[in-house]
Every structure is written in C-alpha cells, then in structure tokens.
PDB file of all heavy atoms in Angstrom:
ATOM      1  N   GLU A   1       0.810  -1.221  -0.002  1.00  0.00           N
ATOM      2  CA  GLU A   1      -0.007  -0.009  -0.002  1.00  0.00           C
ATOM      3  C   GLU A   1       0.851   1.266   0.011  1.00  0.00           C
ATOM      4  O   GLU A   1       0.331   2.387  -0.038  1.00  0.00           O
ATOM      5  CB  GLU A   1      -0.925  -0.007   1.205  1.00  0.00           C
ATOM      6  CG  GLU A   1      -1.901  -1.157   1.243  1.00  0.00           C
ATOM      7  CD  GLU A   1      -2.804  -1.140   2.448  1.00  0.00           C
ATOM      8  OE1 GLU A   1      -2.823  -0.121   3.163  1.00  0.00           O
ATOM      9  OE2 GLU A   1      -3.511  -2.126   2.685  1.00  0.00           O
ATOM     10  N   HIS A   2       2.172   1.087   0.052  1.00  0.00           N
ATOM     11  CA  HIS A   2       3.135   2.202  -0.033  1.00  0.00           C
ATOM     12  C   HIS A   2       2.927   3.265   1.060  1.00  0.00           C
ATOM     13  O   HIS A   2       2.957   4.454   0.832  1.00  0.00           O
ATOM     14  CB  HIS A   2       3.100   2.861  -1.397  1.00  0.00           C
ATOM     15  CG  HIS A   2       3.353   1.914  -2.517  1.00  0.00           C
ATOM     16  ND1 HIS A   2       3.179   2.231  -3.867  1.00  0.00           N
ATOM     17  CD2 HIS A   2       3.794   0.623  -2.516  1.00  0.00           C
ATOM     18  CE1 HIS A   2       3.481   1.194  -4.612  1.00  0.00           C
ATOM     19  NE2 HIS A   2       3.861   0.170  -3.795  1.00  0.00           N
ATOM     20  N   LYS A   3       2.691   2.779   2.286  1.00  0.00           N
ATOM     21  CA  LYS A   3       2.559   3.695   3.424  1.00  0.00           C
ATOM     22  C   LYS A   3       3.966   4.116   3.891  1.00  0.00           C
ATOM     23  O   LYS A   3       4.966   3.552   3.505  1.00  0.00           O
ATOM     24  CB  LYS A   3       1.858   2.987   4.575  1.00  0.00           C
ATOM     25  CG  LYS A   3       0.457   2.465   4.285  1.00  0.00           C
ATOM     26  CD  LYS A   3      -0.090   1.728   5.493  1.00  0.00           C
ATOM     27  CE  LYS A   3      -1.470   1.157   5.252  1.00  0.00           C
ATOM     28  NZ  LYS A   3      -2.002   0.399   6.429  1.00  0.00           N
ATOM     29  N   SER A   4       3.983   5.108   4.759  1.00  0.00           N
ATOM     30  CA  SER A   4       5.271   5.437   5.369  1.00  0.00           C
ATOM     31  C   SER A   4       5.605   4.335   6.398  1.00  0.00           C
ATOM     32  O   SER A   4       4.694   3.608   6.857  1.00  0.00           O
ATOM     33  CB  SER A   4       5.193   6.779   6.110  1.00  0.00           C
ATOM     34  OG  SER A   4       4.375   6.671   7.258  1.00  0.00           O
ATOM     35  N   GLU A   5       6.876   4.191   6.732  1.00  0.00           N
ATOM     36  CA  GLU A   5       7.250   3.145   7.674  1.00  0.00           C
ATOM     37  C   GLU A   5       6.595   3.374   9.068  1.00  0.00           C
ATOM     38  O   GLU A   5       6.269   2.410   9.772  1.00  0.00           O
ATOM     39  CB  GLU A   5       8.788   3.046   7.813  1.00  0.00           C
ATOM     40  CG  GLU A   5       9.451   4.243   8.470  1.00  0.00           C
ATOM     41  CD  GLU A   5       9.674   5.422   7.544  1.00  0.00           C
ATOM     42  OE1 GLU A   5       9.170   5.407   6.390  1.00  0.00           O
ATOM     43  OE2 GLU A   5      10.364   6.376   7.978  1.00  0.00           O
ATOM     44  N   GLU A   6       6.381   4.623   9.434  1.00  0.00           N
ATOM     45  CA  GLU A   6       5.775   4.910  10.720  1.00  0.00           C
ATOM     46  C   GLU A   6       4.287   4.497  10.698  1.00  0.00           C
ATOM     47  O   GLU A   6       3.776   3.873  11.626  1.00  0.00           O
ATOM     48  CB  GLU A   6       5.913   6.387  11.055  1.00  0.00           C
ATOM     49  CG  GLU A   6       5.289   6.740  12.412  1.00  0.00           C
ATOM     50  CD  GLU A   6       5.522   8.213  12.825  1.00  0.00           C
ATOM     51  OE1 GLU A   6       6.227   8.920  12.080  1.00  0.00           O
ATOM     52  OE2 GLU A   6       4.981   8.610  13.852  1.00  0.00           O
ATOM     53  N   LEU A   7       3.603   4.896   9.641  1.00  0.00           N
ATOM     54  CA  LEU A   7       2.172   4.559   9.544  1.00  0.00           C
ATOM     55  C   LEU A   7       1.976   3.032   9.434  1.00  0.00           C
ATOM     56  O   LEU A   7       1.015   2.491   9.980  1.00  0.00           O
ATOM     57  CB  LEU A   7       1.567   5.244   8.318  1.00  0.00           C
ATOM     58  CG  LEU A   7       0.034   5.030   8.127  1.00  0.00           C
ATOM     59  CD1 LEU A   7      -0.736   5.510   9.366  1.00  0.00           C
ATOM     60  CD2 LEU A   7      -0.456   5.745   6.858  1.00  0.00           C
ATOM     61  N   LEU A   8       2.900   2.381   8.763  1.00  0.00           N
ATOM     62  CA  LEU A   8       2.833   0.911   8.652  1.00  0.00           C
ATOM     63  C   LEU A   8       2.896   0.293  10.045  1.00  0.00           C
ATOM     64  O   LEU A   8       2.156  -0.655  10.359  1.00  0.00           O
ATOM     65  CB  LEU A   8       4.013   0.432   7.803  1.00  0.00           C
ATOM     66  CG  LEU A   8       3.998  -1.034   7.324  1.00  0.00           C
ATOM     67  CD1 LEU A   8       2.828  -1.274   6.381  1.00  0.00           C
ATOM     68  CD2 LEU A   8       5.320  -1.364   6.633  1.00  0.00           C
ATOM     69  N   THR A   9       3.753   0.827  10.890  1.00  0.00           N
ATOM     70  CA  THR A   9       3.909   0.297  12.238  1.00  0.00           C
ATOM     71  C   THR A   9       2.669   0.656  13.105  1.00  0.00           C
ATOM     72  O   THR A   9       2.178  -0.186  13.879  1.00  0.00           O
ATOM     73  CB  THR A   9       5.172   0.939  12.899  1.00  0.00           C
ATOM     74  OG1 THR A   9       6.297   0.685  12.078  1.00  0.00           O
ATOM     75  CG2 THR A   9       5.408   0.309  14.303  1.00  0.00           C
ATOM     76  N   GLU A  10       2.181   1.880  12.980  1.00  0.00           N
ATOM     77  CA  GLU A  10       1.020   2.301  13.765  1.00  0.00           C
ATOM     78  C   GLU A  10      -0.215   1.446  13.408  1.00  0.00           C
ATOM     79  O   GLU A  10      -0.952   1.037  14.290  1.00  0.00           O
ATOM     80  CB  GLU A  10       0.750   3.774  13.520  1.00  0.00           C
ATOM     81  CG  GLU A  10       1.822   4.688  14.099  1.00  0.00           C
ATOM     82  CD  GLU A  10       1.580   6.159  13.733  1.00  0.00           C
ATOM     83  OE1 GLU A  10       0.805   6.451  12.795  1.00  0.00           O
ATOM     84  OE2 GLU A  10       2.182   7.026  14.405  1.00  0.00           O
ATOM     85  N   ASP A  11      -0.420   1.227  12.116  1.00  0.00           N
ATOM     86  CA  ASP A  11      -1.610   0.472  11.700  1.00  0.00           C
ATOM     87  C   ASP A  11      -1.495  -0.997  12.174  1.00  0.00           C
ATOM     88  O   ASP A  11      -2.503  -1.628  12.511  1.00  0.00           O
ATOM     89  CB  ASP A  11      -1.777   0.526  10.176  1.00  0.00           C
ATOM     90  CG  ASP A  11      -2.298   1.866   9.712  1.00  0.00           C
ATOM     91  OD1 ASP A  11      -2.712   2.670  10.581  1.00  0.00           O
ATOM     92  OD2 ASP A  11      -2.318   2.126   8.490  1.00  0.00           O
ATOM     93  N   PHE A  12      -0.273  -1.512  12.153  1.00  0.00           N
ATOM     94  CA  PHE A  12      -0.061  -2.884  12.702  1.00  0.00           C
ATOM     95  C   PHE A  12      -0.510  -2.935  14.144  1.00  0.00           C
ATOM     96  O   PHE A  12      -1.218  -3.871  14.566  1.00  0.00           O
ATOM     97  CB  PHE A  12       1.421  -3.259  12.573  1.00  0.00           C
ATOM     98  CG  PHE A  12       1.746  -4.603  13.141  1.00  0.00           C
ATOM     99  CD1 PHE A  12       1.797  -5.746  12.358  1.00  0.00           C
ATOM    100  CD2 PHE A  12       2.061  -4.729  14.498  1.00  0.00           C
ATOM    101  CE1 PHE A  12       2.089  -6.994  12.895  1.00  0.00           C
ATOM    102  CE2 PHE A  12       2.365  -5.974  15.032  1.00  0.00           C
ATOM    103  CZ  PHE A  12       2.381  -7.144  14.236  1.00  0.00           C
ATOM    104  N   TYR A  13      -0.097  -1.929  14.959  1.00  0.00           N
ATOM    105  CA  TYR A  13      -0.458  -1.925  16.368  1.00  0.00           C
ATOM    106  C   TYR A  13      -1.972  -1.783  16.559  1.00  0.00           C
ATOM    107  O   TYR A  13      -2.563  -2.475  17.403  1.00  0.00           O
ATOM    108  CB  TYR A  13       0.289  -0.816  17.065  1.00  0.00           C
ATOM    109  CG  TYR A  13       0.104  -0.824  18.569  1.00  0.00           C
ATOM    110  CD1 TYR A  13       0.861  -1.672  19.388  1.00  0.00           C
ATOM    111  CD2 TYR A  13      -0.826   0.022  19.192  1.00  0.00           C
ATOM    112  CE1 TYR A  13       0.701  -1.698  20.761  1.00  0.00           C
ATOM    113  CE2 TYR A  13      -0.998   0.003  20.566  1.00  0.00           C
ATOM    114  CZ  TYR A  13      -0.257  -0.857  21.363  1.00  0.00           C
ATOM    115  OH  TYR A  13      -0.423  -0.865  22.714  1.00  0.00           O
ATOM    116  N   ASP A  14      -2.562  -0.879  15.786  1.00  0.00           N
ATOM    117  CA  ASP A  14      -3.990  -0.669  15.933  1.00  0.00           C
ATOM    118  C   ASP A  14      -4.806  -1.889  15.563  1.00  0.00           C
ATOM    119  O   ASP A  14      -5.742  -2.298  16.241  1.00  0.00           O
ATOM    120  CB  ASP A  14      -4.430   0.518  15.041  1.00  0.00           C
ATOM    121  CG  ASP A  14      -4.130   1.871  15.662  1.00  0.00           C
ATOM    122  OD1 ASP A  14      -3.903   1.929  16.896  1.00  0.00           O
ATOM    123  OD2 ASP A  14      -4.101   2.874  14.937  1.00  0.00           O
ATOM    124  N   GLU A  15      -4.434  -2.518  14.451  1.00  0.00           N
ATOM    125  CA  GLU A  15      -5.252  -3.607  13.868  1.00  0.00           C
ATOM    126  C   GLU A  15      -5.018  -4.941  14.552  1.00  0.00           C
ATOM    127  O   GLU A  15      -5.950  -5.747  14.732  1.00  0.00           O
ATOM    128  CB  GLU A  15      -4.935  -3.736  12.378  1.00  0.00           C
ATOM    129  CG  GLU A  15      -5.379  -2.487  11.578  1.00  0.00           C
ATOM    130  CD  GLU A  15      -4.801  -2.489  10.189  1.00  0.00           C
ATOM    131  OE1 GLU A  15      -4.170  -3.495   9.766  1.00  0.00           O
ATOM    132  OE2 GLU A  15      -4.984  -1.471   9.481  1.00  0.00           O
ATOM    133  N   ARG A  16      -3.778  -5.224  15.032  1.00  0.00           N
ATOM    134  CA  ARG A  16      -3.488  -6.525  15.603  1.00  0.00           C
ATOM    135  C   ARG A  16      -3.481  -6.512  17.123  1.00  0.00           C
ATOM    136  O   ARG A  16      -3.433  -7.576  17.736  1.00  0.00           O
ATOM    137  CB  ARG A  16      -2.140  -7.031  15.046  1.00  0.00           C
ATOM    138  CG  ARG A  16      -2.002  -6.852  13.550  1.00  0.00           C
ATOM    139  CD  ARG A  16      -1.304  -7.961  12.855  1.00  0.00           C
ATOM    140  NE  ARG A  16      -1.121  -7.662  11.472  1.00  0.00           N
ATOM    141  CZ  ARG A  16      -0.513  -8.412  10.583  1.00  0.00           C
ATOM    142  NH1 ARG A  16      -0.082  -9.622  10.978  1.00  0.00           N
ATOM    143  NH2 ARG A  16      -0.379  -8.088   9.318  1.00  0.00           N
ATOM    144  N   ALA A  17      -3.493  -5.350  17.685  1.00  0.00           N
ATOM    145  CA  ALA A  17      -3.644  -5.167  19.150  1.00  0.00           C
ATOM    146  C   ALA A  17      -2.704  -6.053  19.965  1.00  0.00           C
ATOM    147  O   ALA A  17      -3.152  -6.792  20.848  1.00  0.00           O
ATOM    148  CB  ALA A  17      -5.096  -5.462  19.522  1.00  0.00           C
ATOM    149  N   PRO A  18      -1.387  -5.938  19.744  1.00  0.00           N
ATOM    150  CA  PRO A  18      -0.477  -6.731  20.556  1.00  0.00           C
ATOM    151  C   PRO A  18      -0.331  -6.118  21.940  1.00  0.00           C
ATOM    152  O   PRO A  18      -0.798  -5.010  22.204  1.00  0.00           O
ATOM    153  CB  PRO A  18       0.839  -6.622  19.766  1.00  0.00           C
ATOM    154  CG  PRO A  18       0.756  -5.278  19.142  1.00  0.00           C
ATOM    155  CD  PRO A  18      -0.686  -5.107  18.761  1.00  0.00           C
ATOM    156  N   GLY A  19       0.335  -6.841  22.841  1.00  0.00           N
ATOM    157  CA  GLY A  19       0.544  -6.341  24.196  1.00  0.00           C
ATOM    158  C   GLY A  19       0.729  -7.501  25.149  1.00  0.00           C
ATOM    159  O   GLY A  19      -0.095  -8.411  25.180  1.00  0.00           O
ATOM    160  N   TYR A  20       1.776  -7.453  25.935  1.00  0.00           N
ATOM    161  CA  TYR A  20       2.035  -8.535  26.875  1.00  0.00           C
ATOM    162  C   TYR A  20       0.929  -8.654  27.922  1.00  0.00           C
ATOM    163  O   TYR A  20       0.481  -9.722  28.261  1.00  0.00           O
ATOM    164  CB  TYR A  20       3.390  -8.355  27.537  1.00  0.00           C
ATOM    165  CG  TYR A  20       3.699  -9.407  28.559  1.00  0.00           C
ATOM    166  CD1 TYR A  20       4.252 -10.634  28.201  1.00  0.00           C
ATOM    167  CD2 TYR A  20       3.422  -9.222  29.924  1.00  0.00           C
ATOM    168  CE1 TYR A  20       4.527 -11.629  29.113  1.00  0.00           C
ATOM    169  CE2 TYR A  20       3.672 -10.223  30.875  1.00  0.00           C
ATOM    170  CZ  TYR A  20       4.234 -11.404  30.460  1.00  0.00           C
ATOM    171  OH  TYR A  20       4.468 -12.396  31.380  1.00  0.00           O
ATOM    172  N   ASP A  21       0.524  -7.504  28.487  1.00  0.00           N
ATOM    173  CA  ASP A  21      -0.402  -7.480  29.593  1.00  0.00           C
ATOM    174  C   ASP A  21      -1.837  -7.483  29.158  1.00  0.00           C
ATOM    175  O   ASP A  21      -2.710  -7.958  29.885  1.00  0.00           O
ATOM    176  CB  ASP A  21      -0.116  -6.262  30.468  1.00  0.00           C
ATOM    177  CG  ASP A  21      -0.035  -4.972  29.655  1.00  0.00           C
ATOM    178  OD1 ASP A  21       0.259  -5.056  28.453  1.00  0.00           O
ATOM    179  OD2 ASP A  21      -0.282  -3.878  30.188  1.00  0.00           O
ATOM    180  N   LYS A  22      -2.130  -6.973  27.966  1.00  0.00           N
ATOM    181  CA  LYS A  22      -3.494  -6.832  27.486  1.00  0.00           C
ATOM    182  C   LYS A  22      -3.448  -6.443  25.995  1.00  0.00           C
ATOM    183  O   LYS A  22      -2.371  -6.168  25.455  1.00  0.00           O
ATOM    184  CB  LYS A  22      -4.268  -5.769  28.256  1.00  0.00           C
ATOM    185  CG  LYS A  22      -3.645  -4.405  28.121  1.00  0.00           C
ATOM    186  CD  LYS A  22      -4.404  -3.320  28.908  1.00  0.00           C
ATOM    187  CE  LYS A  22      -3.712  -1.963  28.746  1.00  0.00           C
ATOM    188  NZ  LYS A  22      -4.449  -0.918  29.493  1.00  0.00           N
ATOM    189  N   ALA A  23      -4.567  -6.528  25.353  1.00  0.00           N
ATOM    190  CA  ALA A  23      -4.647  -6.046  23.943  1.00  0.00           C
ATOM    191  C   ALA A  23      -4.321  -4.554  23.966  1.00  0.00           C
ATOM    192  O   ALA A  23      -4.797  -3.783  24.832  1.00  0.00           O
ATOM    193  CB  ALA A  23      -6.037  -6.280  23.379  1.00  0.00           C
ATOM    194  N   HIS A  24      -3.487  -4.127  22.982  1.00  0.00           N
ATOM    195  CA  HIS A  24      -3.026  -2.741  22.967  1.00  0.00           C
ATOM    196  C   HIS A  24      -2.287  -2.413  24.301  1.00  0.00           C
ATOM    197  O   HIS A  24      -2.569  -1.402  24.945  1.00  0.00           O
ATOM    198  CB  HIS A  24      -4.128  -1.733  22.708  1.00  0.00           C
ATOM    199  CG  HIS A  24      -4.709  -1.817  21.331  1.00  0.00           C
ATOM    200  ND1 HIS A  24      -6.038  -1.925  21.101  1.00  0.00           N
ATOM    201  CD2 HIS A  24      -4.101  -1.820  20.113  1.00  0.00           C
ATOM    202  CE1 HIS A  24      -6.258  -2.023  19.762  1.00  0.00           C
ATOM    203  NE2 HIS A  24      -5.112  -1.915  19.161  1.00  0.00           N
ATOM    204  N   GLY A  25      -1.361  -3.274  24.669  1.00  0.00           N
ATOM    205  CA  GLY A  25      -0.613  -3.077  25.906  1.00  0.00           C
ATOM    206  C   GLY A  25       0.851  -2.846  25.628  1.00  0.00           C
ATOM    207  O   GLY A  25       1.246  -2.289  24.628  1.00  0.00           O
ATOM    208  N   ASN A  26       1.704  -3.290  26.614  1.00  0.00           N
ATOM    209  CA  ASN A  26       3.135  -3.031  26.527  1.00  0.00           C
ATOM    210  C   ASN A  26       3.756  -3.737  25.300  1.00  0.00           C
ATOM    211  O   ASN A  26       3.733  -4.968  25.250  1.00  0.00           O
ATOM    212  CB  ASN A  26       3.831  -3.554  27.796  1.00  0.00           C
ATOM    213  CG  ASN A  26       3.269  -2.901  29.054  1.00  0.00           C
ATOM    214  OD1 ASN A  26       2.795  -1.768  29.026  1.00  0.00           O
ATOM    215  ND2 ASN A  26       3.418  -3.598  30.187  1.00  0.00           N
ATOM    216  N   THR A  27       4.315  -2.966  24.412  1.00  0.00           N
ATOM    217  CA  THR A  27       4.861  -3.547  23.171  1.00  0.00           C
ATOM    218  C   THR A  27       6.040  -2.713  22.666  1.00  0.00           C
ATOM    219  O   THR A  27       6.085  -1.505  22.803  1.00  0.00           O
ATOM    220  CB  THR A  27       3.763  -3.563  22.046  1.00  0.00           C
ATOM    221  OG1 THR A  27       2.601  -4.224  22.560  1.00  0.00           O
ATOM    222  CG2 THR A  27       4.239  -4.291  20.859  1.00  0.00           C
ATOM    223  N   VAL A  28       6.973  -3.434  22.063  1.00  0.00           N
ATOM    224  CA  VAL A  28       8.054  -2.793  21.264  1.00  0.00           C
ATOM    225  C   VAL A  28       8.018  -3.489  19.886  1.00  0.00           C
ATOM    226  O   VAL A  28       8.039  -4.700  19.828  1.00  0.00           O
ATOM    227  CB  VAL A  28       9.421  -2.959  21.918  1.00  0.00           C
ATOM    228  CG1 VAL A  28      10.497  -2.332  20.999  1.00  0.00           C
ATOM    229  CG2 VAL A  28       9.458  -2.321  23.288  1.00  0.00           C
ATOM    230  N   ILE A  29       7.973  -2.684  18.828  1.00  0.00           N
ATOM    231  CA  ILE A  29       7.868  -3.246  17.477  1.00  0.00           C
ATOM    232  C   ILE A  29       9.009  -2.759  16.587  1.00  0.00           C
ATOM    233  O   ILE A  29       9.268  -1.551  16.530  1.00  0.00           O
ATOM    234  CB  ILE A  29       6.531  -2.839  16.789  1.00  0.00           C
ATOM    235  CG1 ILE A  29       5.335  -3.253  17.635  1.00  0.00           C
ATOM    236  CG2 ILE A  29       6.425  -3.447  15.380  1.00  0.00           C
ATOM    237  CD1 ILE A  29       3.994  -2.768  17.089  1.00  0.00           C
ATOM    238  N   LEU A  30       9.678  -3.673  15.952  1.00  0.00           N
ATOM    239  CA  LEU A  30      10.667  -3.332  14.901  1.00  0.00           C
ATOM    240  C   LEU A  30      10.035  -3.687  13.587  1.00  0.00           C
ATOM    241  O   LEU A  30       9.737  -4.858  13.296  1.00  0.00           O
ATOM    242  CB  LEU A  30      11.968  -4.095  15.096  1.00  0.00           C
ATOM    243  CG  LEU A  30      13.006  -3.888  13.963  1.00  0.00           C
ATOM    244  CD1 LEU A  30      13.493  -2.433  13.906  1.00  0.00           C
ATOM    245  CD2 LEU A  30      14.192  -4.834  14.105  1.00  0.00           C
ATOM    246  N   THR A  31       9.872  -2.669  12.744  1.00  0.00           N
ATOM    247  CA  THR A  31       9.249  -2.872  11.393  1.00  0.00           C
ATOM    248  C   THR A  31      10.300  -2.675  10.337  1.00  0.00           C
ATOM    249  O   THR A  31      11.022  -1.700  10.358  1.00  0.00           O
ATOM    250  CB  THR A  31       8.102  -1.868  11.156  1.00  0.00           C
ATOM    251  OG1 THR A  31       7.080  -2.075  12.138  1.00  0.00           O
ATOM    252  CG2 THR A  31       7.527  -2.006   9.774  1.00  0.00           C
ATOM    253  N   LEU A  32      10.375  -3.639   9.378  1.00  0.00           N
ATOM    254  CA  LEU A  32      11.213  -3.477   8.202  1.00  0.00           C
ATOM    255  C   LEU A  32      10.299  -3.264   6.996  1.00  0.00           C
ATOM    256  O   LEU A  32       9.537  -4.167   6.604  1.00  0.00           O
ATOM    257  CB  LEU A  32      12.087  -4.726   7.986  1.00  0.00           C
ATOM    258  CG  LEU A  32      13.597  -4.521   8.286  1.00  0.00           C
ATOM    259  CD1 LEU A  32      13.767  -4.150   9.753  1.00  0.00           C
ATOM    260  CD2 LEU A  32      14.407  -5.765   7.957  1.00  0.00           C
ATOM    261  N   ASP A  33      10.358  -2.058   6.447  1.00  0.00           N
ATOM    262  CA  ASP A  33       9.565  -1.716   5.277  1.00  0.00           C
ATOM    263  C   ASP A  33      10.435  -1.950   4.038  1.00  0.00           C
ATOM    264  O   ASP A  33      11.313  -1.128   3.714  1.00  0.00           O
ATOM    265  CB  ASP A  33       9.134  -0.228   5.388  1.00  0.00           C
ATOM    266  CG  ASP A  33       8.461   0.296   4.152  1.00  0.00           C
ATOM    267  OD1 ASP A  33       8.237  -0.493   3.210  1.00  0.00           O
ATOM    268  OD2 ASP A  33       8.133   1.474   4.133  1.00  0.00           O
ATOM    269  N   MET A  34      10.229  -3.029   3.344  1.00  0.00           N
ATOM    270  CA  MET A  34      11.087  -3.420   2.221  1.00  0.00           C
ATOM    271  C   MET A  34      10.797  -2.590   0.970  1.00  0.00           C
ATOM    272  O   MET A  34      11.624  -2.564   0.058  1.00  0.00           O
ATOM    273  CB  MET A  34      10.944  -4.909   1.919  1.00  0.00           C
ATOM    274  CG  MET A  34      11.250  -5.832   3.101  1.00  0.00           C
ATOM    275  SD  MET A  34      12.878  -5.513   3.849  1.00  0.00           S
ATOM    276  CE  MET A  34      13.966  -6.050   2.497  1.00  0.00           C
ATOM    277  N   TYR A  35       9.648  -1.917   0.931  1.00  0.00           N
ATOM    278  CA  TYR A  35       9.372  -1.033  -0.219  1.00  0.00           C
ATOM    279  C   TYR A  35      10.166   0.263  -0.148  1.00  0.00           C
ATOM    280  O   TYR A  35      10.824   0.676  -1.108  1.00  0.00           O
ATOM    281  CB  TYR A  35       7.867  -0.751  -0.285  1.00  0.00           C
ATOM    282  CG  TYR A  35       7.499   0.214  -1.397  1.00  0.00           C
ATOM    283  CD1 TYR A  35       7.394  -0.186  -2.689  1.00  0.00           C
ATOM    284  CD2 TYR A  35       7.215   1.588  -1.094  1.00  0.00           C
ATOM    285  CE1 TYR A  35       7.096   0.709  -3.713  1.00  0.00           C
ATOM    286  CE2 TYR A  35       6.903   2.476  -2.083  1.00  0.00           C
ATOM    287  CZ  TYR A  35       6.859   2.065  -3.400  1.00  0.00           C
ATOM    288  OH  TYR A  35       6.527   2.936  -4.417  1.00  0.00           O
ATOM    289  N   ASN A  36      10.104   0.911   1.001  1.00  0.00           N
ATOM    290  CA  ASN A  36      10.827   2.171   1.156  1.00  0.00           C
ATOM    291  C   ASN A  36      12.268   1.975   1.608  1.00  0.00           C
ATOM    292  O   ASN A  36      13.002   2.955   1.739  1.00  0.00           O
ATOM    293  CB  ASN A  36      10.078   3.059   2.184  1.00  0.00           C
ATOM    294  CG  ASN A  36       8.731   3.543   1.641  1.00  0.00           C
ATOM    295  OD1 ASN A  36       8.681   4.077   0.568  1.00  0.00           O
ATOM    296  ND2 ASN A  36       7.704   3.363   2.471  1.00  0.00           N
ATOM    297  N   ARG A  37      12.631   0.711   1.908  1.00  0.00           N
ATOM    298  CA  ARG A  37      13.941   0.366   2.441  1.00  0.00           C
ATOM    299  C   ARG A  37      14.216   1.218   3.712  1.00  0.00           C
ATOM    300  O   ARG A  37      15.271   1.826   3.877  1.00  0.00           O
ATOM    301  CB  ARG A  37      15.045   0.635   1.390  1.00  0.00           C
ATOM    302  CG  ARG A  37      14.876  -0.172   0.122  1.00  0.00           C
ATOM    303  CD  ARG A  37      15.072  -1.644   0.322  1.00  0.00           C
ATOM    304  NE  ARG A  37      16.431  -1.989   0.764  1.00  0.00           N
ATOM    305  CZ  ARG A  37      16.819  -3.225   1.009  1.00  0.00           C
ATOM    306  NH1 ARG A  37      15.980  -4.215   0.859  1.00  0.00           N
ATOM    307  NH2 ARG A  37      18.081  -3.473   1.389  1.00  0.00           N
ATOM    308  N   LYS A  38      13.273   1.153   4.611  1.00  0.00           N
ATOM    309  CA  LYS A  38      13.406   1.842   5.887  1.00  0.00           C
ATOM    310  C   LYS A  38      12.946   0.932   7.025  1.00  0.00           C
ATOM    311  O   LYS A  38      12.106   0.068   6.844  1.00  0.00           O
ATOM    312  CB  LYS A  38      12.580   3.128   5.914  1.00  0.00           C
ATOM    313  CG  LYS A  38      13.173   4.261   5.063  1.00  0.00           C
ATOM    314  CD  LYS A  38      12.447   5.553   5.305  1.00  0.00           C
ATOM    315  CE  LYS A  38      13.122   6.719   4.569  1.00  0.00           C
ATOM    316  NZ  LYS A  38      12.445   8.014   4.845  1.00  0.00           N
ATOM    317  N   MET A  39      13.519   1.164   8.203  1.00  0.00           N
ATOM    318  CA  MET A  39      13.106   0.491   9.383  1.00  0.00           C
ATOM    319  C   MET A  39      12.480   1.504  10.358  1.00  0.00           C
ATOM    320  O   MET A  39      12.806   2.695  10.282  1.00  0.00           O
ATOM    321  CB  MET A  39      14.272  -0.259  10.072  1.00  0.00           C
ATOM    322  CG  MET A  39      15.269   0.687  10.747  1.00  0.00           C
ATOM    323  SD  MET A  39      16.624  -0.219  11.548  1.00  0.00           S
ATOM    324  CE  MET A  39      17.640  -0.651  10.140  1.00  0.00           C
ATOM    325  N   TYR A  40      11.597   1.005  11.209  1.00  0.00           N
ATOM    326  CA  TYR A  40      10.983   1.888  12.225  1.00  0.00           C
ATOM    327  C   TYR A  40      10.874   1.090  13.513  1.00  0.00           C
ATOM    328  O   TYR A  40      10.399  -0.050  13.543  1.00  0.00           O
ATOM    329  CB  TYR A  40       9.596   2.380  11.791  1.00  0.00           C
ATOM    330  CG  TYR A  40       9.087   3.487  12.653  1.00  0.00           C
ATOM    331  CD1 TYR A  40       9.496   4.791  12.450  1.00  0.00           C
ATOM    332  CD2 TYR A  40       8.187   3.244  13.700  1.00  0.00           C
ATOM    333  CE1 TYR A  40       9.040   5.838  13.264  1.00  0.00           C
ATOM    334  CE2 TYR A  40       7.730   4.275  14.504  1.00  0.00           C
ATOM    335  CZ  TYR A  40       8.146   5.553  14.281  1.00  0.00           C
ATOM    336  OH  TYR A  40       7.699   6.589  15.078  1.00  0.00           O
ATOM    337  N   LEU A  41      11.357   1.680  14.587  1.00  0.00           N
ATOM    338  CA  LEU A  41      11.266   1.046  15.904  1.00  0.00           C
ATOM    339  C   LEU A  41      10.387   1.878  16.809  1.00  0.00           C
ATOM    340  O   LEU A  41      10.572   3.097  16.961  1.00  0.00           O
ATOM    341  CB  LEU A  41      12.659   0.942  16.537  1.00  0.00           C
ATOM    342  CG  LEU A  41      12.739   0.342  17.951  1.00  0.00           C
ATOM    343  CD1 LEU A  41      12.160  -1.075  17.961  1.00  0.00           C
ATOM    344  CD2 LEU A  41      14.193   0.306  18.425  1.00  0.00           C
ATOM    345  N   ALA A  42       9.335   1.256  17.367  1.00  0.00           N
ATOM    346  CA  ALA A  42       8.365   1.993  18.171  1.00  0.00           C
ATOM    347  C   ALA A  42       8.138   1.294  19.495  1.00  0.00           C
ATOM    348  O   ALA A  42       8.120   0.065  19.541  1.00  0.00           O
ATOM    349  CB  ALA A  42       7.054   2.158  17.429  1.00  0.00           C
ATOM    350  N   GLY A  43       7.939   2.077  20.561  1.00  0.00           N
ATOM    351  CA  GLY A  43       7.614   1.518  21.868  1.00  0.00           C
ATOM    352  C   GLY A  43       6.252   2.042  22.337  1.00  0.00           C
ATOM    353  O   GLY A  43       5.973   3.248  22.220  1.00  0.00           O
TER     354      GLY A  43
END
C-alpha cells in the first residue's frame, strides 16, 4: 500500500492489538519496510 514506515507500524499496532499485559498493551515493534527500504522502531 506504499505507506510510510511509521504509519505501517502504527496500523499494525491498531489492527493486531499486541501487548504482553493486554490487547493494545506493553509492546516494542521493529518494522522493516522493504518497499521504502526503511526500518521503524516503536515503543
């Protein structure tokens, strides 16, 4: 969909609701965007 690497990461968190303690909880995500050749790390 050619999103930015940040939006790609944000939508992943919103849609898949990860989290150790609960849905949408404590998470660290490393995203590799192979289209834009960029990585994004979010906590």
